[in-house]
């Protein structure tokens, strides 16, 4: 349905793709810095988290309650069995998922900005709750609960960007596109990094 929607709305999507890929070049740097902060923070806190927060939707498919996505990545990137057909199939499957994500990311980022940032004028309790929902929504794709909370913090960064642009321009569309630019670039860099890790 998403692919059909992208084809049907291709003129509008082309604009969103241009915003995410070509506009606001400095956002590539901001997105990379945001990813470095998220990964560093995650690496620091992960050893001290209770098992409940490490649970994810696909835990029941993993070994001993671990994330099934991580198990697939481990198989795909395992150097000890790089010649086995299972590794090759795993890599092809994951890379095809990454390519699909690359196609969907700009539109998904724009949709998420409309849903979770639109109409934000200041940081308050309602905005914090919306961003927590934004972060925890990512648990649907298999990220653990604690990562969902971290992504809620990333959502707060997008909200701050939205508020700053909106206060400066009083234009909601510009504010949304500014957030979409940062959000889309963040997602693209992350997906590309994961694809490189799997491919090597």
C-alpha atoms as a PDB file:
ATOM      1  CA  UNK A   1       0.000   0.000   0.000  1.00  0.00           C
ATOM      2  CA  UNK A   2       2.860   2.366   0.800  1.00  0.00           C
ATOM      3  CA  UNK A   3       4.521   1.689  -2.554  1.00  0.00           C
ATOM      4  CA  UNK A   4       1.225   2.291  -4.394  1.00  0.00           C
ATOM      5  CA  UNK A   5       0.723   5.493  -2.391  1.00  0.00           C
ATOM      6  CA  UNK A   6       4.223   6.667  -3.357  1.00  0.00           C
ATOM      7  CA  UNK A   7       3.460   6.047  -7.043  1.00  0.00           C
ATOM      8  CA  UNK A   8       0.056   7.747  -6.862  1.00  0.00           C
ATOM      9  CA  UNK A   9       1.389  10.840  -5.080  1.00  0.00           C
ATOM     10  CA  UNK A  10       4.704  10.903  -6.940  1.00  0.00           C
ATOM     11  CA  UNK A  11       4.634  14.636  -7.736  1.00  0.00           C
ATOM     12  CA  UNK A  12       4.224  15.580  -4.087  1.00  0.00           C
ATOM     13  CA  UNK A  13       6.695  12.877  -3.068  1.00  0.00           C
ATOM     14  CA  UNK A  14       9.287  14.188  -5.526  1.00  0.00           C
ATOM     15  CA  UNK A  15       9.182  17.485  -3.640  1.00  0.00           C
ATOM     16  CA  UNK A  16       9.574  15.677  -0.301  1.00  0.00           C
ATOM     17  CA  UNK A  17      12.489  13.634  -1.709  1.00  0.00           C
ATOM     18  CA  UNK A  18      14.195  16.818  -2.912  1.00  0.00           C
ATOM     19  CA  UNK A  19      13.749  18.391   0.524  1.00  0.00           C
ATOM     20  CA  UNK A  20      15.208  15.363   2.310  1.00  0.00           C
ATOM     21  CA  UNK A  21      18.117  14.703  -0.048  1.00  0.00           C
ATOM     22  CA  UNK A  22      19.128  18.040  -1.576  1.00  0.00           C
ATOM     23  CA  UNK A  23      17.937  20.897   0.647  1.00  0.00           C
ATOM     24  CA  UNK A  24      19.489  22.182   3.880  1.00  0.00           C
ATOM     25  CA  UNK A  25      22.903  20.565   3.323  1.00  0.00           C
ATOM     26  CA  UNK A  26      23.968  21.295   6.927  1.00  0.00           C
ATOM     27  CA  UNK A  27      21.213  18.965   8.094  1.00  0.00           C
ATOM     28  CA  UNK A  28      23.386  16.044   6.951  1.00  0.00           C
ATOM     29  CA  UNK A  29      25.927  17.098   9.573  1.00  0.00           C
ATOM     30  CA  UNK A  30      23.279  17.736  12.239  1.00  0.00           C
ATOM     31  CA  UNK A  31      21.724  14.328  11.539  1.00  0.00           C
ATOM     32  CA  UNK A  32      25.114  12.607  11.810  1.00  0.00           C
ATOM     33  CA  UNK A  33      25.854  14.371  15.108  1.00  0.00           C
ATOM     34  CA  UNK A  34      22.427  13.344  16.401  1.00  0.00           C
ATOM     35  CA  UNK A  35      23.114   9.715  15.466  1.00  0.00           C
ATOM     36  CA  UNK A  36      26.510   9.814  17.209  1.00  0.00           C
ATOM     37  CA  UNK A  37      24.867  11.204  20.365  1.00  0.00           C
ATOM     38  CA  UNK A  38      22.119   8.557  20.283  1.00  0.00           C
ATOM     39  CA  UNK A  39      24.541   5.654  19.741  1.00  0.00           C
ATOM     40  CA  UNK A  40      26.927   6.935  22.439  1.00  0.00           C
ATOM     41  CA  UNK A  41      24.123   7.382  24.964  1.00  0.00           C
ATOM     42  CA  UNK A  42      22.661   3.975  24.106  1.00  0.00           C
ATOM     43  CA  UNK A  43      26.064   2.295  24.567  1.00  0.00           C
ATOM     44  CA  UNK A  44      26.492   3.960  27.977  1.00  0.00           C
ATOM     45  CA  UNK A  45      23.087   3.090  29.452  1.00  0.00           C
ATOM     46  CA  UNK A  46      22.380  -0.325  27.889  1.00  0.00           C
ATOM     47  CA  UNK A  47      24.427  -2.416  30.386  1.00  0.00           C
ATOM     48  CA  UNK A  48      22.537  -0.931  33.342  1.00  0.00           C
ATOM     49  CA  UNK A  49      18.985  -1.415  32.052  1.00  0.00           C
ATOM     50  CA  UNK A  50      16.543  -3.942  33.518  1.00  0.00           C
ATOM     51  CA  UNK A  51      15.538  -6.831  31.258  1.00  0.00           C
ATOM     52  CA  UNK A  52      11.966  -5.530  31.024  1.00  0.00           C
ATOM     53  CA  UNK A  53      13.121  -2.461  29.085  1.00  0.00           C
ATOM     54  CA  UNK A  54      15.147  -4.666  26.729  1.00  0.00           C
ATOM     55  CA  UNK A  55      12.022  -6.529  25.646  1.00  0.00           C
ATOM     56  CA  UNK A  56      10.799  -5.989  22.103  1.00  0.00           C
ATOM     57  CA  UNK A  57       7.950  -7.160  19.897  1.00  0.00           C
ATOM     58  CA  UNK A  58      10.042  -9.889  18.263  1.00  0.00           C
ATOM     59  CA  UNK A  59      11.690 -11.183  21.428  1.00  0.00           C
ATOM     60  CA  UNK A  60       9.629 -14.370  21.219  1.00  0.00           C
ATOM     61  CA  UNK A  61      11.284 -15.143  17.869  1.00  0.00           C
ATOM     62  CA  UNK A  62      14.841 -14.663  19.122  1.00  0.00           C
ATOM     63  CA  UNK A  63      17.115 -16.919  21.103  1.00  0.00           C
ATOM     64  CA  UNK A  64      16.642 -16.699  24.857  1.00  0.00           C
ATOM     65  CA  UNK A  65      14.491 -13.608  24.498  1.00  0.00           C
ATOM     66  CA  UNK A  66      16.974 -11.609  22.407  1.00  0.00           C
ATOM     67  CA  UNK A  67      15.916  -9.420  19.535  1.00  0.00           C
ATOM     68  CA  UNK A  68      15.176 -11.430  16.378  1.00  0.00           C
ATOM     69  CA  UNK A  69      16.411  -8.539  14.247  1.00  0.00           C
ATOM     70  CA  UNK A  70      19.770  -8.663  16.026  1.00  0.00           C
ATOM     71  CA  UNK A  71      19.963 -12.435  15.479  1.00  0.00           C
ATOM     72  CA  UNK A  72      19.422 -11.949  11.718  1.00  0.00           C
ATOM     73  CA  UNK A  73      22.060  -9.194  11.636  1.00  0.00           C
ATOM     74  CA  UNK A  74      24.507 -11.438  13.508  1.00  0.00           C
ATOM     75  CA  UNK A  75      23.984 -14.235  10.976  1.00  0.00           C
ATOM     76  CA  UNK A  76      24.316 -11.846   8.045  1.00  0.00           C
ATOM     77  CA  UNK A  77      27.518 -10.246   9.335  1.00  0.00           C
ATOM     78  CA  UNK A  78      29.152 -13.394  10.702  1.00  0.00           C
ATOM     79  CA  UNK A  79      32.645 -13.702   9.158  1.00  0.00           C
ATOM     80  CA  UNK A  80      33.028 -17.309  10.313  1.00  0.00           C
ATOM     81  CA  UNK A  81      30.297 -18.584   8.036  1.00  0.00           C
ATOM     82  CA  UNK A  82      30.383 -16.020   5.250  1.00  0.00           C
ATOM     83  CA  UNK A  83      30.248 -18.701   2.535  1.00  0.00           C
ATOM     84  CA  UNK A  84      27.114 -20.452   3.764  1.00  0.00           C
ATOM     85  CA  UNK A  85      23.878 -20.039   1.820  1.00  0.00           C
ATOM     86  CA  UNK A  86      22.070 -18.939   4.999  1.00  0.00           C
ATOM     87  CA  UNK A  87      24.385 -15.926   5.333  1.00  0.00           C
ATOM     88  CA  UNK A  88      23.966 -14.990   1.669  1.00  0.00           C
ATOM     89  CA  UNK A  89      20.163 -15.271   1.883  1.00  0.00           C
ATOM     90  CA  UNK A  90      20.152 -13.256   5.120  1.00  0.00           C
ATOM     91  CA  UNK A  91      22.273 -10.507   3.553  1.00  0.00           C
ATOM     92  CA  UNK A  92      20.102 -10.334   0.437  1.00  0.00           C
ATOM     93  CA  UNK A  93      16.941 -10.212   2.538  1.00  0.00           C
ATOM     94  CA  UNK A  94      18.244  -7.471   4.819  1.00  0.00           C
ATOM     95  CA  UNK A  95      19.664  -5.417   1.944  1.00  0.00           C
ATOM     96  CA  UNK A  96      16.332  -5.636   0.104  1.00  0.00           C
ATOM     97  CA  UNK A  97      14.589  -4.384   3.260  1.00  0.00           C
ATOM     98  CA  UNK A  98      17.103  -1.516   3.443  1.00  0.00           C
ATOM     99  CA  UNK A  99      16.431  -0.594  -0.206  1.00  0.00           C
ATOM    100  CA  UNK A 100      12.697  -0.567   0.512  1.00  0.00           C
ATOM    101  CA  UNK A 101      13.304   1.652   3.544  1.00  0.00           C
ATOM    102  CA  UNK A 102      15.359   4.043   1.405  1.00  0.00           C
ATOM    103  CA  UNK A 103      12.362   4.377  -0.901  1.00  0.00           C
ATOM    104  CA  UNK A 104       9.901   4.924   1.942  1.00  0.00           C
ATOM    105  CA  UNK A 105      12.010   7.073   4.308  1.00  0.00           C
ATOM    106  CA  UNK A 106      11.320  10.561   2.897  1.00  0.00           C
ATOM    107  CA  UNK A 107       7.553  10.088   2.824  1.00  0.00           C
ATOM    108  CA  UNK A 108       7.535   8.298   6.189  1.00  0.00           C
ATOM    109  CA  UNK A 109       9.542  11.130   7.778  1.00  0.00           C
ATOM    110  CA  UNK A 110       7.117  13.709   6.361  1.00  0.00           C
ATOM    111  CA  UNK A 111       4.103  11.734   7.605  1.00  0.00           C
ATOM    112  CA  UNK A 112       5.620  11.368  11.086  1.00  0.00           C
ATOM    113  CA  UNK A 113       6.345  15.086  11.256  1.00  0.00           C
ATOM    114  CA  UNK A 114       2.719  15.873  10.395  1.00  0.00           C
ATOM    115  CA  UNK A 115       1.455  13.423  13.011  1.00  0.00           C
ATOM    116  CA  UNK A 116       3.827  14.249  15.857  1.00  0.00           C
ATOM    117  CA  UNK A 117       5.139  17.792  15.345  1.00  0.00           C
ATOM    118  CA  UNK A 118       2.384  19.685  13.505  1.00  0.00           C
ATOM    119  CA  UNK A 119       0.866  22.477  15.566  1.00  0.00           C
ATOM    120  CA  UNK A 120       3.622  22.506  18.202  1.00  0.00           C
ATOM    121  CA  UNK A 121       4.162  26.027  19.528  1.00  0.00           C
ATOM    122  CA  UNK A 122       6.050  25.342  22.767  1.00  0.00           C
ATOM    123  CA  UNK A 123       7.434  22.471  24.823  1.00  0.00           C
ATOM    124  CA  UNK A 124       4.799  21.267  27.279  1.00  0.00           C
ATOM    125  CA  UNK A 125       3.425  18.029  28.726  1.00  0.00           C
ATOM    126  CA  UNK A 126       1.367  17.306  25.623  1.00  0.00           C
ATOM    127  CA  UNK A 127       4.425  17.644  23.357  1.00  0.00           C
ATOM    128  CA  UNK A 128       6.477  15.349  25.609  1.00  0.00           C
ATOM    129  CA  UNK A 129       3.733  12.697  25.492  1.00  0.00           C
ATOM    130  CA  UNK A 130       3.449  13.017  21.692  1.00  0.00           C
ATOM    131  CA  UNK A 131       7.183  12.472  21.342  1.00  0.00           C
ATOM    132  CA  UNK A 132       7.132   9.474  23.671  1.00  0.00           C
ATOM    133  CA  UNK A 133       4.415   8.001  21.456  1.00  0.00           C
ATOM    134  CA  UNK A 134       6.595   8.777  18.449  1.00  0.00           C
ATOM    135  CA  UNK A 135       9.539   6.922  19.982  1.00  0.00           C
ATOM    136  CA  UNK A 136       7.564   3.936  21.231  1.00  0.00           C
ATOM    137  CA  UNK A 137       5.822   3.618  17.849  1.00  0.00           C
ATOM    138  CA  UNK A 138       9.186   2.395  16.513  1.00  0.00           C
ATOM    139  CA  UNK A 139       8.875  -0.663  18.759  1.00  0.00           C
ATOM    140  CA  UNK A 140       6.523  -2.029  16.077  1.00  0.00           C
ATOM    141  CA  UNK A 141       9.568  -2.701  13.869  1.00  0.00           C
ATOM    142  CA  UNK A 142      11.326  -4.581  16.657  1.00  0.00           C
ATOM    143  CA  UNK A 143      13.400  -2.023  18.560  1.00  0.00           C
ATOM    144  CA  UNK A 144      13.476  -2.585  22.329  1.00  0.00           C
ATOM    145  CA  UNK A 145      11.359  -0.426  24.639  1.00  0.00           C
ATOM    146  CA  UNK A 146      14.383   1.500  25.947  1.00  0.00           C
ATOM    147  CA  UNK A 147      15.399   2.437  22.405  1.00  0.00           C
ATOM    148  CA  UNK A 148      11.838   3.683  21.883  1.00  0.00           C
ATOM    149  CA  UNK A 149      12.344   6.050  24.827  1.00  0.00           C
ATOM    150  CA  UNK A 150      15.618   7.304  23.318  1.00  0.00           C
ATOM    151  CA  UNK A 151      13.851   7.893  19.997  1.00  0.00           C
ATOM    152  CA  UNK A 152      11.297   9.912  21.944  1.00  0.00           C
ATOM    153  CA  UNK A 153      14.233  12.165  22.876  1.00  0.00           C
ATOM    154  CA  UNK A 154      15.178  12.399  19.202  1.00  0.00           C
ATOM    155  CA  UNK A 155      11.573  13.425  18.536  1.00  0.00           C
ATOM    156  CA  UNK A 156      12.007  16.231  21.066  1.00  0.00           C
ATOM    157  CA  UNK A 157      14.966  17.483  19.006  1.00  0.00           C
ATOM    158  CA  UNK A 158      12.686  17.563  15.962  1.00  0.00           C
ATOM    159  CA  UNK A 159      10.077  19.448  18.004  1.00  0.00           C
ATOM    160  CA  UNK A 160      12.654  22.069  18.989  1.00  0.00           C
ATOM    161  CA  UNK A 161      13.557  22.483  15.298  1.00  0.00           C
ATOM    162  CA  UNK A 162       9.855  22.836  14.409  1.00  0.00           C
ATOM    163  CA  UNK A 163       9.234  25.467  17.101  1.00  0.00           C
ATOM    164  CA  UNK A 164      12.309  27.515  16.120  1.00  0.00           C
ATOM    165  CA  UNK A 165      11.400  27.595  12.425  1.00  0.00           C
ATOM    166  CA  UNK A 166       7.724  28.260  13.104  1.00  0.00           C
ATOM    167  CA  UNK A 167       8.475  31.144  15.482  1.00  0.00           C
ATOM    168  CA  UNK A 168      10.862  32.664  12.943  1.00  0.00           C
ATOM    169  CA  UNK A 169       8.599  32.297   9.880  1.00  0.00           C
ATOM    170  CA  UNK A 170       5.031  31.715  11.186  1.00  0.00           C
ATOM    171  CA  UNK A 171       4.786  29.155   8.376  1.00  0.00           C
ATOM    172  CA  UNK A 172       3.762  25.643   9.397  1.00  0.00           C
ATOM    173  CA  UNK A 173       4.718  24.148   6.013  1.00  0.00           C
ATOM    174  CA  UNK A 174       8.265  25.511   6.292  1.00  0.00           C
ATOM    175  CA  UNK A 175       8.527  24.204   9.851  1.00  0.00           C
ATOM    176  CA  UNK A 176       7.309  20.762   8.768  1.00  0.00           C
ATOM    177  CA  UNK A 177       9.704  20.642   5.826  1.00  0.00           C
ATOM    178  CA  UNK A 178      12.608  21.723   8.026  1.00  0.00           C
ATOM    179  CA  UNK A 179      11.870  18.862  10.436  1.00  0.00           C
ATOM    180  CA  UNK A 180      11.328  16.460   7.541  1.00  0.00           C
ATOM    181  CA  UNK A 181      14.746  17.417   6.172  1.00  0.00           C
ATOM    182  CA  UNK A 182      16.509  16.607   9.456  1.00  0.00           C
ATOM    183  CA  UNK A 183      14.393  13.531  10.194  1.00  0.00           C
ATOM    184  CA  UNK A 184      14.753  12.079   6.692  1.00  0.00           C
ATOM    185  CA  UNK A 185      18.516  12.620   6.624  1.00  0.00           C
ATOM    186  CA  UNK A 186      18.837  11.020  10.076  1.00  0.00           C
ATOM    187  CA  UNK A 187      16.953   7.939   8.872  1.00  0.00           C
ATOM    188  CA  UNK A 188      18.866   7.722   5.595  1.00  0.00           C
ATOM    189  CA  UNK A 189      22.262   7.866   7.318  1.00  0.00           C
ATOM    190  CA  UNK A 190      21.196   5.252   9.864  1.00  0.00           C
ATOM    191  CA  UNK A 191      19.860   2.866   7.210  1.00  0.00           C
ATOM    192  CA  UNK A 192      22.986   3.316   5.061  1.00  0.00           C
ATOM    193  CA  UNK A 193      25.238   2.632   8.083  1.00  0.00           C
ATOM    194  CA  UNK A 194      23.317  -0.555   8.864  1.00  0.00           C
ATOM    195  CA  UNK A 195      23.486  -1.609   5.198  1.00  0.00           C
ATOM    196  CA  UNK A 196      27.264  -1.110   5.191  1.00  0.00           C
ATOM    197  CA  UNK A 197      27.615  -3.147   8.396  1.00  0.00           C
ATOM    198  CA  UNK A 198      25.571  -6.006   6.923  1.00  0.00           C
ATOM    199  CA  UNK A 199      27.290  -5.886   3.519  1.00  0.00           C
ATOM    200  CA  UNK A 200      30.834  -6.043   4.953  1.00  0.00           C
END
